[in-house]
N, C-alpha and C. Protein backbone atom coordinates (compact mmCIF):
# COMPACT_ATOMS: atom_id res chain seq x y z
N SER A 1 69.21 18.49 -99.13
CA SER A 1 69.61 18.60 -97.73
C SER A 1 68.38 18.61 -96.83
N ASN A 2 68.50 18.00 -95.66
CA ASN A 2 67.41 17.98 -94.71
C ASN A 2 67.54 19.06 -93.64
N GLN A 3 68.46 19.98 -93.87
CA GLN A 3 68.65 21.04 -92.89
C GLN A 3 67.43 21.95 -92.83
N THR A 4 67.12 22.40 -91.65
CA THR A 4 66.01 23.32 -91.43
C THR A 4 66.56 24.71 -91.18
N TYR A 5 65.89 25.72 -91.78
CA TYR A 5 66.41 27.07 -91.67
C TYR A 5 65.31 28.03 -91.27
N LEU A 6 65.72 29.21 -90.84
CA LEU A 6 64.80 30.29 -90.47
C LEU A 6 65.32 31.58 -91.08
N ASN A 7 64.47 32.22 -91.87
CA ASN A 7 64.83 33.48 -92.52
C ASN A 7 63.86 34.55 -92.02
N VAL A 8 64.38 35.52 -91.29
CA VAL A 8 63.55 36.59 -90.72
C VAL A 8 63.92 37.89 -91.40
N SER A 9 62.93 38.54 -92.04
CA SER A 9 63.19 39.81 -92.69
C SER A 9 61.99 40.72 -92.49
N ALA A 10 62.26 42.01 -92.50
CA ALA A 10 61.20 43.01 -92.35
C ALA A 10 61.07 43.78 -93.65
N THR A 11 59.97 43.59 -94.36
CA THR A 11 59.77 44.26 -95.64
C THR A 11 58.36 44.85 -95.69
N SER A 12 58.18 45.83 -96.55
CA SER A 12 56.88 46.46 -96.70
C SER A 12 56.76 47.03 -98.10
N ASP A 13 55.55 46.95 -98.68
CA ASP A 13 55.30 47.51 -100.00
C ASP A 13 54.92 48.98 -99.96
N VAL A 14 54.73 49.51 -98.76
CA VAL A 14 54.33 50.92 -98.62
C VAL A 14 55.31 51.62 -97.71
N ASP A 15 55.34 52.94 -97.84
CA ASP A 15 56.19 53.73 -96.96
C ASP A 15 55.65 53.67 -95.54
N ALA A 16 56.55 53.50 -94.59
CA ALA A 16 56.14 53.42 -93.19
C ALA A 16 57.02 54.34 -92.36
N TYR A 17 56.41 55.03 -91.43
CA TYR A 17 57.14 55.93 -90.55
C TYR A 17 56.87 55.49 -89.12
N ALA A 18 57.93 55.11 -88.42
CA ALA A 18 57.74 54.59 -87.07
C ALA A 18 58.96 54.92 -86.23
N VAL A 19 58.74 54.95 -84.95
CA VAL A 19 59.83 55.18 -84.00
C VAL A 19 59.84 54.00 -83.03
N GLY A 20 61.04 53.45 -82.80
CA GLY A 20 61.15 52.32 -81.88
C GLY A 20 61.94 51.20 -82.50
N SER A 21 61.81 50.01 -81.95
CA SER A 21 62.57 48.87 -82.44
C SER A 21 61.67 47.64 -82.47
N LEU A 22 62.11 46.66 -83.23
CA LEU A 22 61.37 45.41 -83.38
C LEU A 22 62.20 44.28 -82.82
N LEU A 23 61.64 43.54 -81.89
CA LEU A 23 62.29 42.36 -81.33
C LEU A 23 61.48 41.14 -81.73
N VAL A 24 62.13 40.21 -82.41
CA VAL A 24 61.47 39.00 -82.86
C VAL A 24 61.89 37.85 -81.95
N ARG A 25 60.92 37.20 -81.36
CA ARG A 25 61.19 36.02 -80.54
C ARG A 25 60.45 34.86 -81.18
N VAL A 26 61.21 33.89 -81.65
CA VAL A 26 60.65 32.80 -82.44
C VAL A 26 60.79 31.48 -81.69
N THR A 27 59.69 30.74 -81.63
CA THR A 27 59.71 29.39 -81.09
C THR A 27 59.48 28.41 -82.23
N VAL A 28 60.39 27.47 -82.39
CA VAL A 28 60.29 26.52 -83.50
C VAL A 28 59.99 25.13 -82.95
N GLN A 29 59.26 24.34 -83.75
CA GLN A 29 58.96 22.97 -83.34
C GLN A 29 60.12 22.04 -83.61
N ARG A 30 60.98 22.45 -84.53
CA ARG A 30 62.14 21.64 -84.89
C ARG A 30 63.37 22.53 -84.90
N ALA A 31 64.45 22.05 -84.31
CA ALA A 31 65.68 22.83 -84.24
C ALA A 31 66.17 23.17 -85.64
N VAL A 32 66.68 24.40 -85.81
CA VAL A 32 67.11 24.87 -87.12
C VAL A 32 68.62 24.80 -87.25
N SER A 33 69.08 24.74 -88.51
CA SER A 33 70.50 24.67 -88.81
C SER A 33 71.09 26.03 -89.11
N TRP A 34 70.31 26.88 -89.75
CA TRP A 34 70.83 28.23 -90.00
C TRP A 34 69.73 29.26 -89.93
N ILE A 35 70.13 30.45 -89.57
CA ILE A 35 69.21 31.57 -89.46
C ILE A 35 69.88 32.81 -89.99
N LYS A 36 69.11 33.62 -90.72
CA LYS A 36 69.56 34.96 -91.09
C LYS A 36 68.42 35.92 -90.81
N SER A 37 68.76 37.08 -90.28
CA SER A 37 67.72 38.00 -89.82
C SER A 37 68.16 39.44 -89.98
N THR A 38 67.20 40.29 -90.36
CA THR A 38 67.43 41.73 -90.40
C THR A 38 66.84 42.42 -89.18
N ALA A 39 66.18 41.66 -88.32
CA ALA A 39 65.53 42.22 -87.13
C ALA A 39 66.28 41.79 -85.88
N ASP A 40 65.99 42.43 -84.76
CA ASP A 40 66.53 41.99 -83.47
C ASP A 40 65.86 40.67 -83.11
N THR A 41 66.67 39.64 -82.93
CA THR A 41 66.14 38.28 -82.81
C THR A 41 66.79 37.56 -81.64
N VAL A 42 65.98 36.90 -80.84
CA VAL A 42 66.45 36.08 -79.73
C VAL A 42 66.14 34.62 -80.05
N LEU A 43 67.18 33.79 -80.05
CA LEU A 43 67.01 32.35 -80.25
C LEU A 43 67.06 31.68 -78.88
N VAL A 44 65.97 31.06 -78.48
CA VAL A 44 65.94 30.42 -77.17
C VAL A 44 66.81 29.17 -77.20
N SER A 45 67.29 28.77 -76.03
CA SER A 45 68.13 27.58 -75.91
C SER A 45 67.37 26.36 -76.43
N GLY A 46 68.03 25.60 -77.31
CA GLY A 46 67.41 24.42 -77.90
C GLY A 46 66.83 24.65 -79.28
N SER A 47 66.83 25.90 -79.76
CA SER A 47 66.27 26.18 -81.08
C SER A 47 67.25 25.87 -82.21
N LEU A 48 68.52 25.62 -81.88
CA LEU A 48 69.53 25.28 -82.88
C LEU A 48 69.88 23.80 -82.77
N VAL A 49 70.21 23.19 -83.92
CA VAL A 49 70.59 21.79 -83.92
C VAL A 49 71.88 21.61 -83.11
N ASN A 50 72.10 20.40 -82.64
CA ASN A 50 73.29 20.09 -81.86
C ASN A 50 73.68 18.65 -82.15
N GLY A 51 74.98 18.42 -82.39
CA GLY A 51 75.45 17.08 -82.67
C GLY A 51 76.74 17.13 -83.46
N ALA A 52 77.55 16.09 -83.35
CA ALA A 52 78.88 16.08 -83.96
C ALA A 52 78.84 16.16 -85.48
N ASN A 53 77.72 15.78 -86.09
CA ASN A 53 77.59 15.84 -87.55
C ASN A 53 76.71 16.99 -88.00
N LYS A 54 76.43 17.94 -87.12
CA LYS A 54 75.56 19.06 -87.43
C LYS A 54 76.36 20.34 -87.66
N ALA A 55 75.79 21.22 -88.49
CA ALA A 55 76.40 22.52 -88.77
C ALA A 55 75.38 23.61 -88.49
N VAL A 56 75.85 24.73 -87.93
CA VAL A 56 74.99 25.87 -87.62
C VAL A 56 75.58 27.13 -88.23
N SER A 57 74.71 27.94 -88.84
CA SER A 57 75.11 29.23 -89.39
C SER A 57 74.13 30.29 -88.93
N ILE A 58 74.64 31.36 -88.34
CA ILE A 58 73.82 32.48 -87.87
C ILE A 58 74.34 33.75 -88.54
N ALA A 59 73.46 34.45 -89.27
CA ALA A 59 73.87 35.63 -90.02
C ALA A 59 72.95 36.79 -89.71
N ALA A 60 73.53 37.91 -89.28
CA ALA A 60 72.79 39.14 -89.06
C ALA A 60 73.02 40.07 -90.24
N LEU A 61 71.93 40.59 -90.80
CA LEU A 61 72.02 41.46 -91.97
C LEU A 61 71.52 42.85 -91.61
N GLY A 62 72.13 43.87 -92.23
CA GLY A 62 71.71 45.24 -91.96
C GLY A 62 72.01 45.64 -90.53
N THR A 63 70.98 46.07 -89.82
CA THR A 63 71.14 46.46 -88.42
C THR A 63 70.57 45.41 -87.47
N GLY A 64 70.33 44.24 -87.96
CA GLY A 64 69.78 43.18 -87.12
C GLY A 64 70.76 42.70 -86.06
N ASN A 65 70.23 42.32 -84.91
CA ASN A 65 71.03 41.78 -83.81
C ASN A 65 70.45 40.43 -83.40
N ILE A 66 71.30 39.41 -83.40
CA ILE A 66 70.86 38.06 -83.07
C ILE A 66 71.59 37.61 -81.81
N THR A 67 70.82 37.12 -80.84
CA THR A 67 71.38 36.68 -79.57
C THR A 67 70.88 35.28 -79.25
N THR A 68 71.79 34.42 -78.79
CA THR A 68 71.37 33.09 -78.34
C THR A 68 72.29 32.61 -77.24
N THR A 69 71.73 31.86 -76.30
CA THR A 69 72.48 31.23 -75.23
C THR A 69 72.14 29.75 -75.21
N ALA A 70 73.16 28.92 -75.40
CA ALA A 70 72.97 27.46 -75.38
C ALA A 70 73.22 26.96 -73.96
N LYS A 71 72.17 26.50 -73.31
CA LYS A 71 72.28 26.05 -71.92
C LYS A 71 72.55 24.55 -71.87
N TYR A 72 73.51 24.11 -72.68
CA TYR A 72 73.88 22.70 -72.78
C TYR A 72 75.25 22.63 -73.44
N PRO A 73 75.98 21.53 -73.31
CA PRO A 73 77.25 21.40 -74.02
C PRO A 73 77.01 21.38 -75.53
N VAL A 74 77.69 22.27 -76.25
CA VAL A 74 77.50 22.39 -77.69
C VAL A 74 78.57 21.58 -78.42
N THR A 75 78.14 20.68 -79.31
CA THR A 75 79.05 19.93 -80.16
C THR A 75 78.54 20.03 -81.59
N LEU A 76 79.37 20.57 -82.49
CA LEU A 76 79.00 20.76 -83.89
C LEU A 76 80.19 20.43 -84.78
N SER A 77 79.90 20.11 -86.04
CA SER A 77 80.99 19.93 -87.00
C SER A 77 81.49 21.28 -87.49
N ASN A 78 80.55 22.21 -87.72
CA ASN A 78 80.90 23.56 -88.18
C ASN A 78 79.96 24.57 -87.54
N LEU A 79 80.52 25.73 -87.21
CA LEU A 79 79.74 26.84 -86.68
C LEU A 79 80.20 28.13 -87.34
N THR A 80 79.25 28.87 -87.93
CA THR A 80 79.55 30.14 -88.59
C THR A 80 78.69 31.23 -87.99
N LEU A 81 79.34 32.29 -87.51
CA LEU A 81 78.66 33.48 -87.00
C LEU A 81 79.10 34.65 -87.85
N SER A 82 78.14 35.37 -88.48
CA SER A 82 78.53 36.42 -89.41
C SER A 82 77.58 37.61 -89.34
N THR A 83 78.13 38.78 -89.67
CA THR A 83 77.33 39.99 -89.80
C THR A 83 77.72 40.70 -91.08
N THR A 84 76.72 41.26 -91.74
CA THR A 84 76.92 42.11 -92.91
C THR A 84 76.15 43.39 -92.66
N GLY A 85 76.88 44.49 -92.44
CA GLY A 85 76.23 45.74 -92.08
C GLY A 85 76.67 46.22 -90.72
N ALA A 86 75.69 46.67 -89.91
CA ALA A 86 76.01 47.24 -88.60
C ALA A 86 75.41 46.43 -87.46
N GLY A 87 74.95 45.25 -87.73
CA GLY A 87 74.31 44.43 -86.71
C GLY A 87 75.29 43.63 -85.88
N SER A 88 74.76 42.67 -85.12
CA SER A 88 75.62 41.88 -84.25
C SER A 88 75.08 40.47 -84.09
N VAL A 89 76.00 39.57 -83.77
CA VAL A 89 75.65 38.19 -83.40
C VAL A 89 76.34 37.89 -82.08
N GLN A 90 75.58 37.41 -81.11
CA GLN A 90 76.12 37.01 -79.82
C GLN A 90 75.72 35.56 -79.55
N PHE A 91 76.73 34.71 -79.41
CA PHE A 91 76.51 33.29 -79.16
C PHE A 91 77.22 32.93 -77.86
N ALA A 92 76.45 32.45 -76.89
CA ALA A 92 77.02 32.08 -75.60
C ALA A 92 76.68 30.63 -75.28
N ALA A 93 77.66 29.92 -74.73
CA ALA A 93 77.45 28.55 -74.25
C ALA A 93 77.71 28.54 -72.75
N THR A 94 76.75 28.01 -71.99
CA THR A 94 76.89 28.04 -70.54
C THR A 94 77.87 26.98 -70.02
N THR A 95 78.28 26.05 -70.89
CA THR A 95 79.29 25.06 -70.51
C THR A 95 80.39 25.04 -71.55
N ASN A 96 80.52 23.94 -72.32
CA ASN A 96 81.59 23.80 -73.30
C ASN A 96 81.08 23.97 -74.72
N LEU A 97 81.99 24.40 -75.61
CA LEU A 97 81.72 24.48 -77.04
C LEU A 97 82.79 23.69 -77.76
N ASN A 98 82.37 22.66 -78.51
CA ASN A 98 83.29 21.80 -79.24
C ASN A 98 82.90 21.80 -80.71
N VAL A 99 83.79 22.29 -81.58
CA VAL A 99 83.55 22.31 -83.02
C VAL A 99 84.61 21.42 -83.67
N THR A 100 84.18 20.27 -84.19
CA THR A 100 85.13 19.26 -84.63
C THR A 100 85.82 19.62 -85.94
N ASN A 101 85.25 20.54 -86.70
CA ASN A 101 85.86 20.91 -87.97
C ASN A 101 86.22 22.40 -87.98
N GLY A 102 85.28 23.25 -88.41
CA GLY A 102 85.62 24.66 -88.56
C GLY A 102 84.70 25.61 -87.83
N LEU A 103 85.29 26.60 -87.17
CA LEU A 103 84.57 27.70 -86.53
C LEU A 103 84.93 28.97 -87.27
N SER A 104 83.92 29.67 -87.82
CA SER A 104 84.15 30.88 -88.61
C SER A 104 83.43 32.06 -87.98
N LEU A 105 84.17 33.15 -87.77
CA LEU A 105 83.64 34.40 -87.23
C LEU A 105 83.90 35.47 -88.27
N LEU A 106 82.83 35.98 -88.91
CA LEU A 106 82.99 36.79 -90.12
C LEU A 106 82.22 38.10 -90.01
N ILE A 107 82.88 39.19 -90.41
CA ILE A 107 82.24 40.51 -90.40
C ILE A 107 82.56 41.24 -91.70
N VAL A 108 81.51 41.82 -92.30
CA VAL A 108 81.67 42.79 -93.38
C VAL A 108 80.90 44.04 -92.94
N GLY A 109 81.63 45.13 -92.68
CA GLY A 109 80.98 46.35 -92.22
C GLY A 109 81.42 46.74 -90.82
N SER A 110 80.48 47.31 -90.07
CA SER A 110 80.81 47.85 -88.74
C SER A 110 80.17 47.05 -87.61
N GLY A 111 79.72 45.87 -87.88
CA GLY A 111 79.03 45.06 -86.88
C GLY A 111 79.98 44.39 -85.90
N SER A 112 79.43 43.50 -85.09
CA SER A 112 80.23 42.78 -84.10
C SER A 112 79.77 41.34 -83.99
N VAL A 113 80.73 40.48 -83.69
CA VAL A 113 80.47 39.07 -83.42
C VAL A 113 81.12 38.73 -82.09
N ALA A 114 80.34 38.17 -81.18
CA ALA A 114 80.85 37.79 -79.86
C ALA A 114 80.54 36.33 -79.59
N LEU A 115 81.57 35.57 -79.27
CA LEU A 115 81.43 34.15 -78.93
C LEU A 115 81.98 33.94 -77.54
N GLN A 116 81.19 33.30 -76.68
CA GLN A 116 81.63 33.10 -75.30
C GLN A 116 81.24 31.72 -74.81
N ALA A 117 82.17 31.08 -74.11
CA ALA A 117 81.90 29.81 -73.44
C ALA A 117 82.27 29.95 -71.98
N ALA A 118 81.37 29.52 -71.10
CA ALA A 118 81.64 29.62 -69.67
C ALA A 118 82.78 28.69 -69.26
N ARG A 119 82.99 27.64 -70.05
CA ARG A 119 84.09 26.73 -69.77
C ARG A 119 85.08 26.72 -70.93
N ASP A 120 85.08 25.67 -71.75
CA ASP A 120 86.12 25.51 -72.77
C ASP A 120 85.56 25.65 -74.18
N ILE A 121 86.42 26.16 -75.08
CA ILE A 121 86.18 26.14 -76.52
C ILE A 121 87.25 25.27 -77.15
N THR A 122 86.82 24.23 -77.87
CA THR A 122 87.75 23.33 -78.56
C THR A 122 87.35 23.28 -80.02
N VAL A 123 88.30 23.56 -80.92
CA VAL A 123 87.98 23.63 -82.34
C VAL A 123 89.19 23.18 -83.14
N ARG A 124 88.92 22.56 -84.28
CA ARG A 124 90.02 22.15 -85.16
C ARG A 124 90.60 23.37 -85.89
N ARG A 125 89.72 24.11 -86.57
CA ARG A 125 90.16 25.30 -87.31
C ARG A 125 89.30 26.49 -86.90
N LEU A 126 89.96 27.57 -86.51
CA LEU A 126 89.28 28.81 -86.17
C LEU A 126 89.66 29.86 -87.20
N GLN A 127 88.65 30.35 -87.93
CA GLN A 127 88.87 31.37 -88.95
C GLN A 127 88.10 32.62 -88.60
N THR A 128 88.81 33.75 -88.56
CA THR A 128 88.18 35.03 -88.27
C THR A 128 88.51 36.01 -89.38
N SER A 129 87.48 36.71 -89.88
CA SER A 129 87.68 37.67 -90.95
C SER A 129 86.87 38.93 -90.67
N VAL A 130 87.54 40.07 -90.72
CA VAL A 130 86.87 41.36 -90.54
C VAL A 130 87.25 42.26 -91.71
N ALA A 131 86.25 42.75 -92.44
CA ALA A 131 86.46 43.73 -93.50
C ALA A 131 85.64 44.96 -93.15
N GLY A 132 86.32 46.02 -92.71
CA GLY A 132 85.61 47.21 -92.27
C GLY A 132 86.05 47.63 -90.88
N SER A 133 85.09 48.10 -90.09
CA SER A 133 85.42 48.60 -88.75
C SER A 133 84.79 47.75 -87.65
N GLY A 134 84.39 46.56 -87.97
CA GLY A 134 83.73 45.69 -87.00
C GLY A 134 84.69 45.08 -86.00
N SER A 135 84.11 44.39 -85.00
CA SER A 135 84.90 43.79 -83.93
C SER A 135 84.45 42.36 -83.68
N VAL A 136 85.43 41.49 -83.46
CA VAL A 136 85.18 40.10 -83.11
C VAL A 136 85.78 39.82 -81.74
N PHE A 137 84.99 39.18 -80.89
CA PHE A 137 85.45 38.79 -79.55
C PHE A 137 85.19 37.30 -79.38
N ALA A 138 86.22 36.55 -79.02
CA ALA A 138 86.07 35.14 -78.69
C ALA A 138 86.63 34.93 -77.29
N LEU A 139 85.76 34.52 -76.37
CA LEU A 139 86.12 34.43 -74.96
C LEU A 139 85.80 33.05 -74.42
N ALA A 140 86.78 32.42 -73.79
CA ALA A 140 86.56 31.16 -73.07
C ALA A 140 87.04 31.36 -71.64
N ASN A 141 86.15 31.16 -70.69
CA ASN A 141 86.55 31.32 -69.29
C ASN A 141 87.47 30.20 -68.83
N GLY A 142 87.42 29.05 -69.53
CA GLY A 142 88.32 27.95 -69.23
C GLY A 142 89.49 27.97 -70.20
N SER A 143 89.45 27.11 -71.23
CA SER A 143 90.52 27.05 -72.21
C SER A 143 89.96 27.26 -73.62
N LEU A 144 90.83 27.75 -74.51
CA LEU A 144 90.51 27.86 -75.92
C LEU A 144 91.61 27.13 -76.67
N LYS A 145 91.26 26.00 -77.29
CA LYS A 145 92.25 25.16 -77.95
C LYS A 145 91.86 24.96 -79.41
N ALA A 146 92.84 25.20 -80.30
CA ALA A 146 92.63 25.02 -81.73
C ALA A 146 93.90 24.49 -82.36
N GLN A 147 93.74 23.69 -83.42
CA GLN A 147 94.92 23.25 -84.16
C GLN A 147 95.47 24.39 -85.00
N ASN A 148 94.57 25.11 -85.66
CA ASN A 148 94.98 26.22 -86.51
C ASN A 148 94.05 27.41 -86.31
N VAL A 149 94.66 28.59 -86.17
CA VAL A 149 93.90 29.83 -86.06
C VAL A 149 94.35 30.75 -87.20
N ARG A 150 93.39 31.23 -87.97
CA ARG A 150 93.70 32.12 -89.09
C ARG A 150 92.84 33.38 -88.97
N THR A 151 93.50 34.53 -88.92
CA THR A 151 92.81 35.81 -88.74
C THR A 151 93.15 36.74 -89.89
N SER A 152 92.10 37.31 -90.51
CA SER A 152 92.27 38.28 -91.59
C SER A 152 91.53 39.56 -91.22
N LEU A 153 92.26 40.66 -91.23
CA LEU A 153 91.69 41.95 -90.83
C LEU A 153 92.03 43.00 -91.88
N ALA A 154 91.00 43.63 -92.44
CA ALA A 154 91.19 44.70 -93.42
C ALA A 154 90.35 45.89 -93.00
N GLY A 155 91.02 47.00 -92.66
CA GLY A 155 90.29 48.18 -92.21
C GLY A 155 90.72 48.59 -90.82
N LYS A 156 89.78 49.09 -90.04
CA LYS A 156 90.10 49.57 -88.69
C LYS A 156 89.35 48.79 -87.62
N GLY A 157 89.08 47.55 -87.89
CA GLY A 157 88.38 46.71 -86.92
C GLY A 157 89.29 46.14 -85.86
N ASN A 158 88.72 45.31 -85.00
CA ASN A 158 89.46 44.69 -83.91
C ASN A 158 89.08 43.22 -83.78
N VAL A 159 90.08 42.40 -83.48
CA VAL A 159 89.86 40.98 -83.20
C VAL A 159 90.54 40.67 -81.88
N SER A 160 89.80 40.03 -80.98
CA SER A 160 90.34 39.73 -79.66
C SER A 160 90.00 38.30 -79.26
N TYR A 161 91.04 37.53 -78.92
CA TYR A 161 90.87 36.19 -78.35
C TYR A 161 91.27 36.28 -76.89
N SER A 162 90.38 35.86 -76.01
CA SER A 162 90.63 36.01 -74.58
C SER A 162 90.35 34.71 -73.85
N THR A 163 91.35 34.20 -73.16
CA THR A 163 91.22 32.97 -72.38
C THR A 163 92.42 32.84 -71.46
N PRO A 164 92.25 32.27 -70.27
CA PRO A 164 93.40 32.06 -69.40
C PRO A 164 94.29 30.91 -69.85
N GLN A 165 93.74 30.02 -70.71
CA GLN A 165 94.50 28.88 -71.19
C GLN A 165 94.21 28.68 -72.67
N GLY A 166 94.99 29.36 -73.51
CA GLY A 166 94.81 29.25 -74.95
C GLY A 166 95.98 28.57 -75.61
N SER A 167 95.72 27.75 -76.64
CA SER A 167 96.80 27.06 -77.33
C SER A 167 96.40 26.77 -78.77
N THR A 168 97.39 26.83 -79.66
CA THR A 168 97.21 26.46 -81.05
C THR A 168 98.56 26.05 -81.62
N ILE A 169 98.52 25.23 -82.67
CA ILE A 169 99.76 24.85 -83.33
C ILE A 169 100.24 25.98 -84.22
N ASN A 170 99.33 26.49 -85.06
CA ASN A 170 99.68 27.56 -86.00
C ASN A 170 98.73 28.74 -85.83
N ASN A 171 99.32 29.92 -85.67
CA ASN A 171 98.55 31.16 -85.58
C ASN A 171 98.97 32.05 -86.75
N THR A 172 98.06 32.21 -87.72
CA THR A 172 98.36 32.97 -88.93
C THR A 172 97.51 34.22 -88.97
N ILE A 173 98.16 35.38 -89.12
CA ILE A 173 97.46 36.66 -89.07
C ILE A 173 97.85 37.52 -90.26
N SER A 174 96.84 38.09 -90.92
CA SER A 174 97.05 39.06 -91.99
C SER A 174 96.24 40.30 -91.65
N ALA A 175 96.90 41.45 -91.52
CA ALA A 175 96.21 42.67 -91.12
C ALA A 175 96.65 43.83 -92.00
N THR A 176 95.67 44.52 -92.56
CA THR A 176 95.94 45.72 -93.35
C THR A 176 95.05 46.84 -92.82
N GLY A 177 95.60 48.04 -92.74
CA GLY A 177 94.83 49.16 -92.23
C GLY A 177 95.29 49.56 -90.84
N SER A 178 94.34 50.00 -90.03
CA SER A 178 94.67 50.51 -88.69
C SER A 178 94.04 49.69 -87.58
N GLY A 179 93.66 48.48 -87.86
CA GLY A 179 93.00 47.64 -86.87
C GLY A 179 93.97 46.96 -85.91
N HIS A 180 93.42 46.17 -85.01
CA HIS A 180 94.21 45.50 -83.98
C HIS A 180 93.79 44.04 -83.87
N VAL A 181 94.78 43.18 -83.68
CA VAL A 181 94.54 41.76 -83.44
C VAL A 181 95.22 41.39 -82.14
N TYR A 182 94.43 40.97 -81.16
CA TYR A 182 94.96 40.59 -79.85
C TYR A 182 94.84 39.07 -79.71
N SER A 183 95.95 38.37 -79.94
CA SER A 183 95.96 36.91 -79.81
C SER A 183 97.02 36.45 -78.83
N GLY A 184 97.43 37.34 -77.93
CA GLY A 184 98.47 37.01 -76.98
C GLY A 184 98.08 35.93 -75.98
N SER A 185 96.79 35.68 -75.83
CA SER A 185 96.37 34.63 -74.90
C SER A 185 96.43 33.24 -75.52
N LEU A 186 96.74 33.18 -76.83
CA LEU A 186 96.87 31.89 -77.51
C LEU A 186 98.33 31.47 -77.53
N PHE A 187 98.62 30.38 -76.85
CA PHE A 187 99.98 29.84 -76.74
C PHE A 187 100.28 29.09 -78.04
N ALA A 188 100.93 29.76 -79.02
CA ALA A 188 101.13 29.20 -80.36
C ALA A 188 102.50 28.58 -80.50
N GLN A 189 102.54 27.44 -81.17
CA GLN A 189 103.84 26.84 -81.48
C GLN A 189 104.52 27.64 -82.58
N ASN A 190 103.75 28.00 -83.60
CA ASN A 190 104.27 28.80 -84.71
C ASN A 190 103.30 29.94 -85.00
N ALA A 191 103.87 31.09 -85.37
CA ALA A 191 103.04 32.24 -85.72
C ALA A 191 103.58 32.89 -86.98
N THR A 192 102.66 33.26 -87.88
CA THR A 192 103.01 33.97 -89.10
C THR A 192 102.17 35.23 -89.17
N VAL A 193 102.83 36.39 -89.25
CA VAL A 193 102.13 37.67 -89.23
C VAL A 193 102.52 38.48 -90.45
N THR A 194 101.52 38.93 -91.20
CA THR A 194 101.72 39.87 -92.30
C THR A 194 100.95 41.13 -91.96
N LEU A 195 101.68 42.23 -91.78
CA LEU A 195 101.08 43.47 -91.29
C LEU A 195 101.41 44.61 -92.24
N ALA A 196 100.38 45.29 -92.72
CA ALA A 196 100.55 46.45 -93.59
C ALA A 196 99.65 47.57 -93.09
N GLY A 197 100.25 48.72 -92.80
CA GLY A 197 99.45 49.82 -92.29
C GLY A 197 99.91 50.24 -90.91
N SER A 198 98.98 50.78 -90.13
CA SER A 198 99.33 51.33 -88.82
C SER A 198 98.74 50.52 -87.67
N GLY A 199 98.28 49.33 -87.94
CA GLY A 199 97.66 48.52 -86.90
C GLY A 199 98.67 47.82 -86.01
N ASP A 200 98.14 47.07 -85.04
CA ASP A 200 98.97 46.33 -84.09
C ASP A 200 98.52 44.88 -84.03
N VAL A 201 99.50 44.00 -83.83
CA VAL A 201 99.23 42.57 -83.68
C VAL A 201 99.99 42.07 -82.46
N VAL A 202 99.31 41.32 -81.60
CA VAL A 202 99.94 40.72 -80.42
C VAL A 202 99.83 39.21 -80.54
N VAL A 203 100.98 38.52 -80.42
CA VAL A 203 101.00 37.07 -80.48
C VAL A 203 101.87 36.52 -79.35
N GLN A 204 101.65 35.26 -79.01
CA GLN A 204 102.51 34.53 -78.09
C GLN A 204 102.99 33.29 -78.82
N VAL A 205 104.31 33.11 -78.93
CA VAL A 205 104.86 32.02 -79.73
C VAL A 205 106.05 31.41 -79.01
N ILE A 206 106.17 30.09 -79.11
CA ILE A 206 107.26 29.40 -78.42
C ILE A 206 108.29 28.82 -79.36
N ASP A 207 107.98 28.73 -80.66
CA ASP A 207 108.92 28.10 -81.59
C ASP A 207 109.35 29.08 -82.67
N THR A 208 108.51 29.26 -83.70
CA THR A 208 108.92 30.06 -84.84
C THR A 208 107.94 31.20 -85.09
N LEU A 209 108.47 32.42 -85.18
CA LEU A 209 107.68 33.59 -85.55
C LEU A 209 108.20 34.13 -86.87
N THR A 210 107.31 34.21 -87.85
CA THR A 210 107.62 34.82 -89.13
C THR A 210 106.78 36.08 -89.27
N ALA A 211 107.42 37.23 -89.34
CA ALA A 211 106.69 38.50 -89.38
C ALA A 211 107.18 39.36 -90.54
N ILE A 212 106.23 39.85 -91.32
CA ILE A 212 106.50 40.80 -92.39
C ILE A 212 105.65 42.03 -92.13
N ALA A 213 106.29 43.15 -91.82
CA ALA A 213 105.57 44.37 -91.47
C ALA A 213 106.00 45.51 -92.37
N THR A 214 105.03 46.17 -92.99
CA THR A 214 105.29 47.36 -93.79
C THR A 214 104.37 48.46 -93.28
N GLY A 215 104.92 49.65 -93.12
CA GLY A 215 104.13 50.74 -92.58
C GLY A 215 104.50 51.02 -91.14
N GLU A 216 103.59 51.64 -90.41
CA GLU A 216 103.86 52.05 -89.04
C GLU A 216 103.34 51.06 -88.01
N GLY A 217 102.81 49.96 -88.44
CA GLY A 217 102.25 48.98 -87.51
C GLY A 217 103.31 48.27 -86.69
N LYS A 218 102.86 47.61 -85.62
CA LYS A 218 103.77 46.93 -84.71
C LYS A 218 103.32 45.50 -84.46
N VAL A 219 104.30 44.62 -84.35
CA VAL A 219 104.05 43.23 -83.97
C VAL A 219 104.69 43.03 -82.60
N LEU A 220 103.87 42.74 -81.59
CA LEU A 220 104.36 42.49 -80.23
C LEU A 220 104.20 41.01 -79.95
N TYR A 221 105.31 40.35 -79.60
CA TYR A 221 105.20 38.92 -79.34
C TYR A 221 105.74 38.58 -77.96
N TYR A 222 105.17 37.54 -77.40
CA TYR A 222 105.56 37.06 -76.08
C TYR A 222 106.16 35.67 -76.22
N ASN A 223 107.13 35.37 -75.36
CA ASN A 223 107.66 34.01 -75.34
C ASN A 223 106.84 33.17 -74.38
N LYS A 224 107.23 31.92 -74.19
CA LYS A 224 106.41 30.98 -73.42
C LYS A 224 106.32 31.34 -71.94
N THR A 225 107.21 32.21 -71.46
CA THR A 225 107.13 32.62 -70.06
C THR A 225 106.15 33.77 -69.85
N GLY A 226 105.63 34.31 -70.98
CA GLY A 226 104.68 35.41 -70.87
C GLY A 226 105.34 36.76 -70.80
N ASN A 227 106.66 36.81 -71.01
CA ASN A 227 107.36 38.09 -70.98
C ASN A 227 107.47 38.67 -72.39
N PRO A 228 107.30 39.99 -72.54
CA PRO A 228 107.50 40.58 -73.86
C PRO A 228 108.90 40.32 -74.36
N ALA A 229 109.00 39.97 -75.65
CA ALA A 229 110.32 39.68 -76.22
C ALA A 229 110.62 40.64 -77.36
């Protein structure tokens, strides 16, 4: 593969005692395809590859926090934002974000993943997975359109999709534990919800809703007029 990557880690062979934080600011001569970091890291605009046949993966490990703002229209085949531990990934696009294949937002632990577009997010498949107490936020100030949205939540985390104009053909949600999935802003043709535990799921569906709930959890659904049903 010709993909370029950046691996940032903080290691030492001796015991070190320090107070404060480490912020890594990296300038690369060639745009990178994936980055993983255990440190607080800022990716300047243009440091990530861009193009319909390009894939980007950003992974925060431990307590690392990775932030980037793309000051250009983003077009990728695949985009993966993930955290393992208590860190965070924040990806912002100042215009549109278009992912022609798959967009994955993944958390293991108590971290957070935030995706924001000042205009539209368009994606073929949106997959969100939270295992633990982490939180995922996907926000489009314009529209968020996907053919298929699949959300998996295990634990007490939260998943929130927020947009004034959201739409998908299929919205599939599996939630166990005490977490919450807020997908009411996605205008779904079909929705399938499997809920076990004390959590809550909010969906908006105009055709078929299939819901299996065990435990004290609740499934709240809206019809196409936006009224609770």
